[in-house]
Amino acid sequence: MEFGSSIGSCFKAPNHPLLISASPTNTNNTLTRTSKRFSLRVSAVSYKKFADSALQETSKRLLLEPSPLQEKYSSMTGLDGKTQLEMLAFKSSRIRLLRSMAIESETMQVFDCAGFMEPQFDTPIFCANFFTSANINIVVLDLNPLHQLTDYQDKYYKNIMSIYQKYAEIFPWGGKLTGESIKFFSPLVMWTRFSSSQEKHEALFSAFLEYYQAWLEMTVQATEEMDPSQVRDNCEAQHKYLTWRAQKDPGHGLLRKLVGEAKAKEVLRDFLFNGVNELGTKTFIDYFPEYQTEDGTVSDKRSIVGKSFETRPWDSKGQFIG
C-alpha cells in the first residue's frame, strides 16, 4: 500500500465478483463475462512465497525472533467472511520491525512487506507493495531513503543502480506520482503497472529477491551510529516517514472496506506503520504544515503542491532530473 494517488484509485473492490482459477494447459490471460461474473484463467498468483523467501534470506544472515506484534496481528477475516488477511512480524538486534501483510480474496491479492531498522542505523526502509486483480497488477518496490542527502544517496544507491536497470524494460514507469510522494522514493524505485502473465510474475519475484537481498546486505554491513544526535535524526526521519504513510496511505480505503474504519486505522498505525506512536511525538501537521486546513484538521487532498511526475524523474545513474 503505497504513496501515489494513482495507486490509490485502484485499491477498490471490483464492481462484479471475480473467479480466479489456474489452467494447467493455458497460462494466457482470458477474460469472459457470464451473467455478470468474470472468469480469469491465469497461472495461480500467490505472494506467500515472497514472504517466505524474505524470511529465509534474513535467517541466513541474522537471528530473527517474533515481534510482540505477531501475537496480536497474525490473521483477520474480512467483514465479508471470506477475505483473509495474514500478517507476519519479526525483529532482530538491527531490524526494529520486519513485517508483511497478505490479503487474498476471489477478486484480488495484495502483498505489503516492509523492513524498518533500529534508529542506531540509517539504512533505507525496505518497501514492497503489490496489488493484483483480474485486470491489472500495480507494483511499488524500493529501498525508501531515510535521508534526502547527496552523501546518503551515494552511500546506498550509487553502486546498486544496475538492479533497477536490469528490470527497467520489463517494468516501465507506471505513470503519475505526486511531488509529495516522490520525495519518499529512491532512484532505485520500481513503480509499474502490468497485465498478468507468467513471465511478468516470475520477473517480479526475481526483482523482489534482488531488492531484498540488497537491503539485507546493507542491514548486515551497516555501522551502528554512536553519536546521540545522529540517532535522534534517524529516529525522527523514520517517524516522519511513518507519520506520512499512516495518514496518506491510499490502501486505507481498501482496508476500510474490508475490516471497517476503526480496525483499518488500528492496522495502519499499530501494525503496518508501527512506530508512529512510539518513535516521536510530532503530528502530521508538525511535519507537513501545508496540509493544515482552516479548522486545524488535515486536508484530505493527496497533493498540495500540485506537481506530479508522469515520467521517471531520475536518470540511469540515479541523478534526479525532475
C-alpha atoms as a PDB file:
ATOM      1  CA  MET A   1       0.000   0.000   0.000  1.00  0.00           C
ATOM      2  CA  GLU A   2       1.880   2.923  -1.300  1.00  0.00           C
ATOM      3  CA  PHE A   3       2.125   6.644  -1.702  1.00  0.00           C
ATOM      4  CA  GLY A   4       0.967   7.617  -5.165  1.00  0.00           C
ATOM      5  CA  SER A   5      -2.530   8.949  -5.713  1.00  0.00           C
ATOM      6  CA  SER A   6      -2.695   6.974  -8.933  1.00  0.00           C
ATOM      7  CA  ILE A   7      -2.266   3.788  -6.931  1.00  0.00           C
ATOM      8  CA  GLY A   8      -4.991   4.671  -4.502  1.00  0.00           C
ATOM      9  CA  SER A   9      -7.659   4.815  -7.181  1.00  0.00           C
ATOM     10  CA  CYS A  10      -7.007   1.165  -7.982  1.00  0.00           C
ATOM     11  CA  PHE A  11      -7.485  -0.100  -4.430  1.00  0.00           C
ATOM     12  CA  LYS A  12     -11.205  -0.571  -4.911  1.00  0.00           C
ATOM     13  CA  ALA A  13     -13.314  -3.685  -4.880  1.00  0.00           C
ATOM     14  CA  PRO A  14     -14.358  -4.642  -8.420  1.00  0.00           C
ATOM     15  CA  ASN A  15     -17.957  -3.968  -9.417  1.00  0.00           C
ATOM     16  CA  HIS A  16     -18.535  -7.616 -10.234  1.00  0.00           C
ATOM     17  CA  PRO A  17     -17.327 -10.747  -8.444  1.00  0.00           C
ATOM     18  CA  LEU A  18     -14.273 -12.393  -9.958  1.00  0.00           C
ATOM     19  CA  LEU A  19     -13.292 -16.024 -10.103  1.00  0.00           C
ATOM     20  CA  ILE A  20      -9.565 -16.686 -10.419  1.00  0.00           C
ATOM     21  CA  SER A  21      -8.569 -20.177 -11.461  1.00  0.00           C
ATOM     22  CA  ALA A  22      -5.452 -21.880 -12.779  1.00  0.00           C
ATOM     23  CA  SER A  23      -5.300 -23.613 -16.110  1.00  0.00           C
ATOM     24  CA  PRO A  24      -2.542 -26.246 -16.458  1.00  0.00           C
ATOM     25  CA  THR A  25      -2.585 -26.095 -20.245  1.00  0.00           C
ATOM     26  CA  ASN A  26      -3.010 -22.414 -20.988  1.00  0.00           C
ATOM     27  CA  THR A  27      -1.354 -19.675 -18.971  1.00  0.00           C
ATOM     28  CA  ASN A  28      -2.545 -16.868 -21.245  1.00  0.00           C
ATOM     29  CA  ASN A  29      -4.992 -14.445 -19.703  1.00  0.00           C
ATOM     30  CA  THR A  30      -8.534 -14.847 -20.967  1.00  0.00           C
ATOM     31  CA  LEU A  31     -11.396 -12.882 -19.527  1.00  0.00           C
ATOM     32  CA  THR A  32     -15.021 -13.789 -20.150  1.00  0.00           C
ATOM     33  CA  ARG A  33     -18.243 -12.419 -18.735  1.00  0.00           C
ATOM     34  CA  THR A  34     -21.069 -14.788 -17.836  1.00  0.00           C
ATOM     35  CA  SER A  35     -24.133 -13.465 -16.002  1.00  0.00           C
ATOM     36  CA  LYS A  36     -22.114 -10.541 -14.650  1.00  0.00           C
ATOM     37  CA  ARG A  37     -19.368 -12.885 -13.468  1.00  0.00           C
ATOM     38  CA  PHE A  38     -15.829 -12.964 -14.770  1.00  0.00           C
ATOM     39  CA  SER A  39     -13.600 -15.978 -15.120  1.00  0.00           C
ATOM     40  CA  LEU A  40      -9.892 -15.216 -15.318  1.00  0.00           C
ATOM     41  CA  ARG A  41      -7.716 -18.096 -16.440  1.00  0.00           C
ATOM     42  CA  VAL A  42      -4.181 -17.385 -15.309  1.00  0.00           C
ATOM     43  CA  SER A  43      -1.387 -19.200 -13.575  1.00  0.00           C
ATOM     44  CA  ALA A  44      -2.179 -19.048  -9.875  1.00  0.00           C
ATOM     45  CA  VAL A  45      -0.803 -15.874  -8.315  1.00  0.00           C
ATOM     46  CA  SER A  46       0.314 -16.142  -4.716  1.00  0.00           C
ATOM     47  CA  TYR A  47       2.539 -13.809  -2.754  1.00  0.00           C
ATOM     48  CA  LYS A  48       3.154 -16.324   0.015  1.00  0.00           C
ATOM     49  CA  LYS A  49       6.478 -17.369  -1.497  1.00  0.00           C
ATOM     50  CA  PHE A  50       7.619 -13.733  -1.478  1.00  0.00           C
ATOM     51  CA  ALA A  51       7.209 -13.520   2.302  1.00  0.00           C
ATOM     52  CA  ASP A  52       8.687 -16.986   2.829  1.00  0.00           C
ATOM     53  CA  SER A  53      11.726 -16.163   0.699  1.00  0.00           C
ATOM     54  CA  ALA A  54      12.354 -12.904   2.564  1.00  0.00           C
ATOM     55  CA  LEU A  55      12.317 -14.727   5.888  1.00  0.00           C
ATOM     56  CA  GLN A  56      14.593 -17.469   4.567  1.00  0.00           C
ATOM     57  CA  GLU A  57      17.100 -14.942   3.241  1.00  0.00           C
ATOM     58  CA  THR A  58      17.064 -12.992   6.504  1.00  0.00           C
ATOM     59  CA  SER A  59      17.508 -16.094   8.639  1.00  0.00           C
ATOM     60  CA  LYS A  60      20.720 -16.870   6.755  1.00  0.00           C
ATOM     61  CA  ARG A  61      22.252 -13.572   7.888  1.00  0.00           C
ATOM     62  CA  LEU A  62      20.541 -12.517  11.115  1.00  0.00           C
ATOM     63  CA  LEU A  63      18.886 -14.066  14.132  1.00  0.00           C
ATOM     64  CA  LEU A  64      15.182 -13.313  13.869  1.00  0.00           C
ATOM     65  CA  GLU A  65      12.593 -13.568  16.602  1.00  0.00           C
ATOM     66  CA  PRO A  66       8.849 -12.903  16.546  1.00  0.00           C
ATOM     67  CA  SER A  67       7.842  -9.316  17.198  1.00  0.00           C
ATOM     68  CA  PRO A  68       5.318  -8.706  20.001  1.00  0.00           C
ATOM     69  CA  LEU A  69       3.004  -7.619  17.182  1.00  0.00           C
ATOM     70  CA  GLN A  70       2.829 -11.186  15.882  1.00  0.00           C
ATOM     71  CA  GLU A  71       0.660 -12.374  18.751  1.00  0.00           C
ATOM     72  CA  LYS A  72      -1.881  -9.579  18.272  1.00  0.00           C
ATOM     73  CA  TYR A  73      -1.784  -9.414  14.486  1.00  0.00           C
ATOM     74  CA  SER A  74      -1.499 -12.811  12.868  1.00  0.00           C
ATOM     75  CA  SER A  75      -4.662 -13.095  10.810  1.00  0.00           C
ATOM     76  CA  MET A  76      -8.015 -11.448  10.227  1.00  0.00           C
ATOM     77  CA  THR A  77     -11.142 -12.271   8.288  1.00  0.00           C
ATOM     78  CA  GLY A  78     -12.835  -9.504   6.347  1.00  0.00           C
ATOM     79  CA  LEU A  79     -16.350  -8.282   7.020  1.00  0.00           C
ATOM     80  CA  ASP A  80     -17.497 -10.392   4.073  1.00  0.00           C
ATOM     81  CA  GLY A  81     -16.490 -13.522   5.976  1.00  0.00           C
ATOM     82  CA  LYS A  82     -14.291 -14.644   3.082  1.00  0.00           C
ATOM     83  CA  THR A  83     -11.347 -12.303   2.567  1.00  0.00           C
ATOM     84  CA  GLN A  84      -8.283 -13.363   4.532  1.00  0.00           C
ATOM     85  CA  LEU A  85      -5.597 -11.040   5.888  1.00  0.00           C
ATOM     86  CA  GLU A  86      -2.416 -12.800   7.010  1.00  0.00           C
ATOM     87  CA  MET A  87       0.302 -10.914   8.904  1.00  0.00           C
ATOM     88  CA  LEU A  88       3.872 -11.742   9.904  1.00  0.00           C
ATOM     89  CA  ALA A  89       6.076  -9.658  12.205  1.00  0.00           C
ATOM     90  CA  PHE A  90       9.695 -10.258  13.241  1.00  0.00           C
ATOM     91  CA  LYS A  91      12.621  -8.333  14.673  1.00  0.00           C
ATOM     92  CA  SER A  92      16.351  -8.673  15.257  1.00  0.00           C
ATOM     93  CA  SER A  93      19.094  -6.756  17.016  1.00  0.00           C
ATOM     94  CA  ARG A  94      19.313  -4.463  13.970  1.00  0.00           C
ATOM     95  CA  ILE A  95      15.827  -4.645  12.472  1.00  0.00           C
ATOM     96  CA  ARG A  96      13.181  -2.893  14.550  1.00  0.00           C
ATOM     97  CA  LEU A  97      10.380  -4.475  12.546  1.00  0.00           C
ATOM     98  CA  LEU A  98      10.218  -6.787   9.546  1.00  0.00           C
ATOM     99  CA  ARG A  99       6.577  -7.285   8.710  1.00  0.00           C
ATOM    100  CA  SER A 100       4.295  -8.364   5.903  1.00  0.00           C
ATOM    101  CA  MET A 101       0.588  -8.462   5.209  1.00  0.00           C
ATOM    102  CA  ALA A 102      -1.029 -10.571   2.512  1.00  0.00           C
ATOM    103  CA  ILE A 103      -4.667 -10.170   1.521  1.00  0.00           C
ATOM    104  CA  GLU A 104      -6.396 -12.828  -0.544  1.00  0.00           C
ATOM    105  CA  SER A 105      -9.916 -12.882  -1.906  1.00  0.00           C
ATOM    106  CA  GLU A 106     -11.675 -14.102  -5.028  1.00  0.00           C
ATOM    107  CA  THR A 107     -11.122 -10.720  -6.652  1.00  0.00           C
ATOM    108  CA  MET A 108      -7.623  -9.648  -5.680  1.00  0.00           C
ATOM    109  CA  GLN A 109      -4.350 -10.307  -3.941  1.00  0.00           C
ATOM    110  CA  VAL A 110      -2.335  -7.718  -2.033  1.00  0.00           C
ATOM    111  CA  PHE A 111       1.160  -8.012  -0.597  1.00  0.00           C
ATOM    112  CA  ASP A 112       2.707  -5.349   1.636  1.00  0.00           C
ATOM    113  CA  CYS A 113       6.175  -6.004   3.039  1.00  0.00           C
ATOM    114  CA  ALA A 114       8.455  -3.565   4.860  1.00  0.00           C
ATOM    115  CA  GLY A 115      11.629  -3.564   6.909  1.00  0.00           C
ATOM    116  CA  PHE A 116      12.435  -0.817   9.431  1.00  0.00           C
ATOM    117  CA  MET A 117      15.802  -0.508  11.137  1.00  0.00           C
ATOM    118  CA  GLU A 118      16.580   0.399  14.715  1.00  0.00           C
ATOM    119  CA  PRO A 119      17.375   4.155  14.923  1.00  0.00           C
ATOM    120  CA  GLN A 120      21.058   3.406  15.537  1.00  0.00           C
ATOM    121  CA  PHE A 121      21.269   2.588  11.815  1.00  0.00           C
ATOM    122  CA  ASP A 122      20.487   4.838   8.850  1.00  0.00           C
ATOM    123  CA  THR A 123      19.785   2.007   6.400  1.00  0.00           C
ATOM    124  CA  PRO A 124      16.916   2.658   3.940  1.00  0.00           C
ATOM    125  CA  ILE A 125      13.451   1.238   4.535  1.00  0.00           C
ATOM    126  CA  PHE A 126      12.601  -1.847   2.511  1.00  0.00           C
ATOM    127  CA  CYS A 127       9.264  -1.358   0.756  1.00  0.00           C
ATOM    128  CA  ALA A 128       7.302  -3.802  -1.416  1.00  0.00           C
ATOM    129  CA  ASN A 129       3.659  -3.088  -2.266  1.00  0.00           C
ATOM    130  CA  PHE A 130       1.947  -5.358  -4.809  1.00  0.00           C
ATOM    131  CA  PHE A 131      -1.697  -5.367  -5.892  1.00  0.00           C
ATOM    132  CA  THR A 132      -3.135  -7.949  -8.289  1.00  0.00           C
ATOM    133  CA  SER A 133      -6.653  -8.094  -9.721  1.00  0.00           C
ATOM    134  CA  ALA A 134      -8.143  -9.614 -12.854  1.00  0.00           C
ATOM    135  CA  ASN A 135      -7.308  -6.551 -14.920  1.00  0.00           C
ATOM    136  CA  ILE A 136      -4.072  -5.148 -13.570  1.00  0.00           C
ATOM    137  CA  ASN A 137      -1.034  -5.514 -11.358  1.00  0.00           C
ATOM    138  CA  ILE A 138       0.279  -2.453  -9.529  1.00  0.00           C
ATOM    139  CA  VAL A 139       3.781  -2.626  -8.090  1.00  0.00           C
ATOM    140  CA  VAL A 140       5.985  -0.423  -5.945  1.00  0.00           C
ATOM    141  CA  LEU A 141       9.350  -1.872  -4.972  1.00  0.00           C
ATOM    142  CA  ASP A 142      12.002   0.306  -3.386  1.00  0.00           C
ATOM    143  CA  LEU A 143      14.548   0.931  -0.677  1.00  0.00           C
ATOM    144  CA  ASN A 144      12.983   4.133   0.651  1.00  0.00           C
ATOM    145  CA  PRO A 145      15.629   6.671   1.739  1.00  0.00           C
ATOM    146  CA  LEU A 146      15.768   7.703   5.362  1.00  0.00           C
ATOM    147  CA  HIS A 147      17.519  10.968   4.484  1.00  0.00           C
ATOM    148  CA  GLN A 148      17.465  13.188   1.379  1.00  0.00           C
ATOM    149  CA  LEU A 149      21.184  13.988   1.333  1.00  0.00           C
ATOM    150  CA  THR A 150      23.613  13.608  -1.567  1.00  0.00           C
ATOM    151  CA  ASP A 151      26.112  11.706   0.569  1.00  0.00           C
ATOM    152  CA  TYR A 152      23.330   9.373   1.684  1.00  0.00           C
ATOM    153  CA  GLN A 153      22.240   8.734  -1.909  1.00  0.00           C
ATOM    154  CA  ASP A 154      25.818   7.980  -2.935  1.00  0.00           C
ATOM    155  CA  LYS A 155      26.361   5.730   0.070  1.00  0.00           C
ATOM    156  CA  TYR A 156      23.374   3.470  -0.514  1.00  0.00           C
ATOM    157  CA  TYR A 157      22.247   3.701  -4.150  1.00  0.00           C
ATOM    158  CA  LYS A 158      25.122   4.677  -6.425  1.00  0.00           C
ATOM    159  CA  ASN A 159      26.619   1.189  -6.622  1.00  0.00           C
ATOM    160  CA  ILE A 160      23.377  -0.777  -6.990  1.00  0.00           C
ATOM    161  CA  MET A 161      21.551   1.118  -9.753  1.00  0.00           C
ATOM    162  CA  SER A 162      22.212  -1.871 -12.006  1.00  0.00           C
ATOM    163  CA  ILE A 163      19.471  -3.730 -10.121  1.00  0.00           C
ATOM    164  CA  TYR A 164      16.872  -1.236 -11.318  1.00  0.00           C
ATOM    165  CA  GLN A 165      18.318  -1.132 -14.837  1.00  0.00           C
ATOM    166  CA  LYS A 166      18.036  -4.915 -15.091  1.00  0.00           C
ATOM    167  CA  TYR A 167      14.235  -4.685 -14.805  1.00  0.00           C
ATOM    168  CA  ALA A 168      13.585  -1.254 -16.346  1.00  0.00           C
ATOM    169  CA  GLU A 169      12.439  -2.590 -19.708  1.00  0.00           C
ATOM    170  CA  ILE A 170      10.047  -5.249 -18.457  1.00  0.00           C
ATOM    171  CA  PHE A 171       8.693  -2.947 -15.729  1.00  0.00           C
ATOM    172  CA  PRO A 172       8.488   0.607 -17.149  1.00  0.00           C
ATOM    173  CA  TRP A 173       7.418   3.670 -15.148  1.00  0.00           C
ATOM    174  CA  GLY A 174       3.791   3.309 -14.077  1.00  0.00           C
ATOM    175  CA  GLY A 175       2.556   6.865 -14.528  1.00  0.00           C
ATOM    176  CA  LYS A 176       1.866   9.967 -12.490  1.00  0.00           C
ATOM    177  CA  LEU A 177       3.170  10.319  -8.924  1.00  0.00           C
ATOM    178  CA  THR A 178       2.709  13.416  -6.782  1.00  0.00           C
ATOM    179  CA  GLY A 179       5.584  15.679  -5.825  1.00  0.00           C
ATOM    180  CA  GLU A 180       4.919  14.964  -2.158  1.00  0.00           C
ATOM    181  CA  SER A 181       5.175  11.220  -2.738  1.00  0.00           C
ATOM    182  CA  ILE A 182       8.307  11.271  -4.855  1.00  0.00           C
ATOM    183  CA  LYS A 183      10.492  12.570  -2.021  1.00  0.00           C
ATOM    184  CA  PHE A 184       9.943   9.311  -0.149  1.00  0.00           C
ATOM    185  CA  PHE A 185      11.290   7.239  -3.045  1.00  0.00           C
ATOM    186  CA  SER A 186      14.853   6.437  -4.026  1.00  0.00           C
ATOM    187  CA  PRO A 187      16.406   6.390  -7.526  1.00  0.00           C
ATOM    188  CA  LEU A 188      16.058   2.613  -7.295  1.00  0.00           C
ATOM    189  CA  VAL A 189      12.261   2.662  -7.167  1.00  0.00           C
ATOM    190  CA  MET A 190      10.304   0.314  -9.396  1.00  0.00           C
ATOM    191  CA  TRP A 191       6.815   1.786  -9.878  1.00  0.00           C
ATOM    192  CA  THR A 192       4.892  -0.013 -12.585  1.00  0.00           C
ATOM    193  CA  ARG A 193       1.610  -1.447 -13.830  1.00  0.00           C
ATOM    194  CA  PHE A 194       1.166  -4.517 -15.999  1.00  0.00           C
ATOM    195  CA  SER A 195      -1.287  -7.173 -17.120  1.00  0.00           C
ATOM    196  CA  SER A 196      -0.742 -10.598 -15.612  1.00  0.00           C
ATOM    197  CA  SER A 197       1.491 -13.132 -17.293  1.00  0.00           C
ATOM    198  CA  GLN A 198       3.659 -15.953 -16.036  1.00  0.00           C
ATOM    199  CA  GLU A 199       6.756 -14.180 -17.346  1.00  0.00           C
ATOM    200  CA  LYS A 200       5.954 -10.924 -15.548  1.00  0.00           C
ATOM    201  CA  HIS A 201       5.208 -12.586 -12.221  1.00  0.00           C
ATOM    202  CA  GLU A 202       8.396 -14.636 -12.380  1.00  0.00           C
ATOM    203  CA  ALA A 203      10.353 -11.466 -13.167  1.00  0.00           C
ATOM    204  CA  LEU A 204       8.652  -9.684 -10.274  1.00  0.00           C
ATOM    205  CA  PHE A 205       9.666 -12.435  -7.874  1.00  0.00           C
ATOM    206  CA  SER A 206      13.243 -12.226  -9.144  1.00  0.00           C
ATOM    207  CA  ALA A 207      13.263  -8.434  -8.726  1.00  0.00           C
ATOM    208  CA  PHE A 208      11.784  -8.711  -5.240  1.00  0.00           C
ATOM    209  CA  LEU A 209      14.550 -11.088  -4.184  1.00  0.00           C
ATOM    210  CA  GLU A 210      17.317  -8.902  -5.628  1.00  0.00           C
ATOM    211  CA  TYR A 211      15.985  -5.755  -3.984  1.00  0.00           C
ATOM    212  CA  TYR A 212      15.523  -7.578  -0.699  1.00  0.00           C
ATOM    213  CA  GLN A 213      18.997  -9.108  -0.801  1.00  0.00           C
ATOM    214  CA  ALA A 214      20.470  -5.663  -1.491  1.00  0.00           C
ATOM    215  CA  TRP A 215      18.614  -4.259   1.519  1.00  0.00           C
ATOM    216  CA  LEU A 216      19.661  -7.196   3.670  1.00  0.00           C
ATOM    217  CA  GLU A 217      23.308  -6.677   2.715  1.00  0.00           C
ATOM    218  CA  MET A 218      23.001  -3.016   3.736  1.00  0.00           C
ATOM    219  CA  THR A 219      21.438  -4.129   7.008  1.00  0.00           C
ATOM    220  CA  VAL A 220      24.226  -6.555   7.824  1.00  0.00           C
ATOM    221  CA  GLN A 221      27.026  -4.172   6.809  1.00  0.00           C
ATOM    222  CA  ALA A 222      25.604  -1.038   8.459  1.00  0.00           C
ATOM    223  CA  THR A 223      27.738   0.572  11.142  1.00  0.00           C
ATOM    224  CA  GLU A 224      25.971   1.336  14.388  1.00  0.00           C
ATOM    225  CA  GLU A 225      25.752   5.076  14.999  1.00  0.00           C
ATOM    226  CA  MET A 226      27.232   6.154  18.325  1.00  0.00           C
ATOM    227  CA  ASP A 227      26.503   9.887  18.042  1.00  0.00           C
ATOM    228  CA  PRO A 228      23.267  10.571  20.003  1.00  0.00           C
ATOM    229  CA  SER A 229      22.341  13.482  17.732  1.00  0.00           C
ATOM    230  CA  GLN A 230      22.556  11.282  14.622  1.00  0.00           C
ATOM    231  CA  VAL A 231      20.489   8.578  16.304  1.00  0.00           C
ATOM    232  CA  ARG A 232      17.854  11.226  17.048  1.00  0.00           C
ATOM    233  CA  ASP A 233      17.956  12.358  13.410  1.00  0.00           C
ATOM    234  CA  ASN A 234      17.460   8.775  12.224  1.00  0.00           C
ATOM    235  CA  CYS A 235      14.602   8.293  14.657  1.00  0.00           C
ATOM    236  CA  GLU A 236      12.852  11.485  13.563  1.00  0.00           C
ATOM    237  CA  ALA A 237      13.349  10.680   9.876  1.00  0.00           C
ATOM    238  CA  GLN A 238      11.731   7.277  10.339  1.00  0.00           C
ATOM    239  CA  HIS A 239       8.930   8.809  12.399  1.00  0.00           C
ATOM    240  CA  LYS A 240       8.254  11.399   9.683  1.00  0.00           C
ATOM    241  CA  TYR A 241       8.043   8.622   7.092  1.00  0.00           C
ATOM    242  CA  LEU A 242       5.673   6.576   9.255  1.00  0.00           C
ATOM    243  CA  THR A 243       3.523   9.616  10.008  1.00  0.00           C
ATOM    244  CA  TRP A 244       3.096  10.332   6.294  1.00  0.00           C
ATOM    245  CA  ARG A 245       2.300   6.729   5.472  1.00  0.00           C
ATOM    246  CA  ALA A 246      -0.177   6.234   8.318  1.00  0.00           C
ATOM    247  CA  GLN A 247      -2.078   9.381   7.291  1.00  0.00           C
ATOM    248  CA  LYS A 248      -1.896   9.306   3.496  1.00  0.00           C
ATOM    249  CA  ASP A 249      -1.532   5.665   2.516  1.00  0.00           C
ATOM    250  CA  PRO A 250      -4.055   5.014  -0.293  1.00  0.00           C
ATOM    251  CA  GLY A 251      -4.581   1.465   0.955  1.00  0.00           C
ATOM    252  CA  HIS A 252      -6.652   2.937   3.787  1.00  0.00           C
ATOM    253  CA  GLY A 253      -9.748   2.818   1.595  1.00  0.00           C
ATOM    254  CA  LEU A 254      -9.297  -0.859   0.835  1.00  0.00           C
ATOM    255  CA  LEU A 255      -8.734  -1.739   4.489  1.00  0.00           C
ATOM    256  CA  ARG A 256     -11.799   0.294   5.487  1.00  0.00           C
ATOM    257  CA  LYS A 257     -13.911  -1.688   3.044  1.00  0.00           C
ATOM    258  CA  LEU A 258     -12.502  -4.995   4.258  1.00  0.00           C
ATOM    259  CA  VAL A 259     -12.453  -4.595   8.050  1.00  0.00           C
ATOM    260  CA  GLY A 260     -14.220  -1.315   8.881  1.00  0.00           C
ATOM    261  CA  GLU A 261     -12.845   2.145   9.641  1.00  0.00           C
ATOM    262  CA  ALA A 262     -11.807   1.600  13.270  1.00  0.00           C
ATOM    263  CA  LYS A 263      -9.888  -1.601  12.575  1.00  0.00           C
ATOM    264  CA  ALA A 264      -8.360  -0.129   9.402  1.00  0.00           C
ATOM    265  CA  LYS A 265      -6.888   2.800  11.351  1.00  0.00           C
ATOM    266  CA  GLU A 266      -5.594   0.422  14.002  1.00  0.00           C
ATOM    267  CA  VAL A 267      -3.872  -1.815  11.449  1.00  0.00           C
ATOM    268  CA  LEU A 268      -2.305   1.196   9.722  1.00  0.00           C
ATOM    269  CA  ARG A 269      -0.937   2.831  12.874  1.00  0.00           C
ATOM    270  CA  ASP A 270      -0.170  -0.182  15.058  1.00  0.00           C
ATOM    271  CA  PHE A 271       0.961  -2.773  12.523  1.00  0.00           C
ATOM    272  CA  LEU A 272       1.764  -1.555   9.012  1.00  0.00           C
ATOM    273  CA  PHE A 273       3.395   1.668  10.207  1.00  0.00           C
ATOM    274  CA  ASN A 274       4.181   0.685  13.734  1.00  0.00           C
ATOM    275  CA  GLY A 275       6.359   3.276  15.427  1.00  0.00           C
ATOM    276  CA  VAL A 276       4.231   6.291  14.594  1.00  0.00           C
ATOM    277  CA  ASN A 277       3.074   6.306  18.229  1.00  0.00           C
ATOM    278  CA  GLU A 278       6.417   5.255  19.729  1.00  0.00           C
ATOM    279  CA  LEU A 279       9.285   6.923  17.859  1.00  0.00           C
ATOM    280  CA  GLY A 280       8.195  10.531  18.240  1.00  0.00           C
ATOM    281  CA  THR A 281       5.524  12.968  19.359  1.00  0.00           C
ATOM    282  CA  LYS A 282       5.295  15.260  16.329  1.00  0.00           C
ATOM    283  CA  THR A 283       1.992  15.273  14.476  1.00  0.00           C
ATOM    284  CA  PHE A 284       1.304  15.133  10.757  1.00  0.00           C
ATOM    285  CA  ILE A 285       0.765  18.902  10.725  1.00  0.00           C
ATOM    286  CA  ASP A 286       4.094  19.426  12.511  1.00  0.00           C
ATOM    287  CA  TYR A 287       5.870  17.663   9.652  1.00  0.00           C
ATOM    288  CA  PHE A 288       3.604  18.784   6.810  1.00  0.00           C
ATOM    289  CA  PRO A 289       2.029  22.139   7.801  1.00  0.00           C
ATOM    290  CA  GLU A 290       0.915  22.806   4.223  1.00  0.00           C
ATOM    291  CA  TYR A 291      -1.827  20.192   4.740  1.00  0.00           C
ATOM    292  CA  GLN A 292      -3.483  22.065   7.604  1.00  0.00           C
ATOM    293  CA  THR A 293      -6.994  23.297   6.830  1.00  0.00           C
ATOM    294  CA  GLU A 294      -8.658  26.403   8.239  1.00  0.00           C
ATOM    295  CA  ASP A 295     -10.232  24.403  11.055  1.00  0.00           C
ATOM    296  CA  GLY A 296      -6.878  22.866  12.003  1.00  0.00           C
ATOM    297  CA  THR A 297      -7.520  19.395  10.604  1.00  0.00           C
ATOM    298  CA  VAL A 298      -5.519  17.534   7.957  1.00  0.00           C
ATOM    299  CA  SER A 299      -6.595  18.076   4.360  1.00  0.00           C
ATOM    300  CA  ASP A 300      -7.848  15.007   2.517  1.00  0.00           C
ATOM    301  CA  LYS A 301      -6.075  16.140  -0.655  1.00  0.00           C
ATOM    302  CA  ARG A 302      -3.427  13.815  -1.997  1.00  0.00           C
ATOM    303  CA  SER A 303      -1.303  16.714  -3.199  1.00  0.00           C
ATOM    304  CA  ILE A 304      -0.991  20.308  -2.058  1.00  0.00           C
ATOM    305  CA  VAL A 305       1.995  21.241  -4.209  1.00  0.00           C
ATOM    306  CA  GLY A 306       0.163  20.160  -7.347  1.00  0.00           C
ATOM    307  CA  LYS A 307       3.296  18.981  -9.162  1.00  0.00           C
ATOM    308  CA  SER A 308       3.348  15.429 -10.467  1.00  0.00           C
ATOM    309  CA  PHE A 309       5.795  13.220 -12.325  1.00  0.00           C
ATOM    310  CA  GLU A 310       4.417  11.333 -15.316  1.00  0.00           C
ATOM    311  CA  THR A 311       7.848  10.020 -16.307  1.00  0.00           C
ATOM    312  CA  ARG A 312      10.718   8.723 -14.231  1.00  0.00           C
ATOM    313  CA  PRO A 313      12.471  11.720 -12.581  1.00  0.00           C
ATOM    314  CA  TRP A 314      15.888  10.039 -12.243  1.00  0.00           C
ATOM    315  CA  ASP A 315      18.390   9.217 -14.954  1.00  0.00           C
ATOM    316  CA  SER A 316      20.044   5.822 -15.363  1.00  0.00           C
ATOM    317  CA  LYS A 317      22.784   6.801 -12.904  1.00  0.00           C
ATOM    318  CA  GLY A 318      20.291   7.760 -10.216  1.00  0.00           C
ATOM    319  CA  GLN A 319      20.626  11.536 -10.586  1.00  0.00           C
ATOM    320  CA  PHE A 320      17.396  13.454 -10.000  1.00  0.00           C
ATOM    321  CA  ILE A 321      16.409  15.306 -13.184  1.00  0.00           C
ATOM    322  CA  GLY A 322      12.844  16.289 -12.251  1.00  0.00           C
END
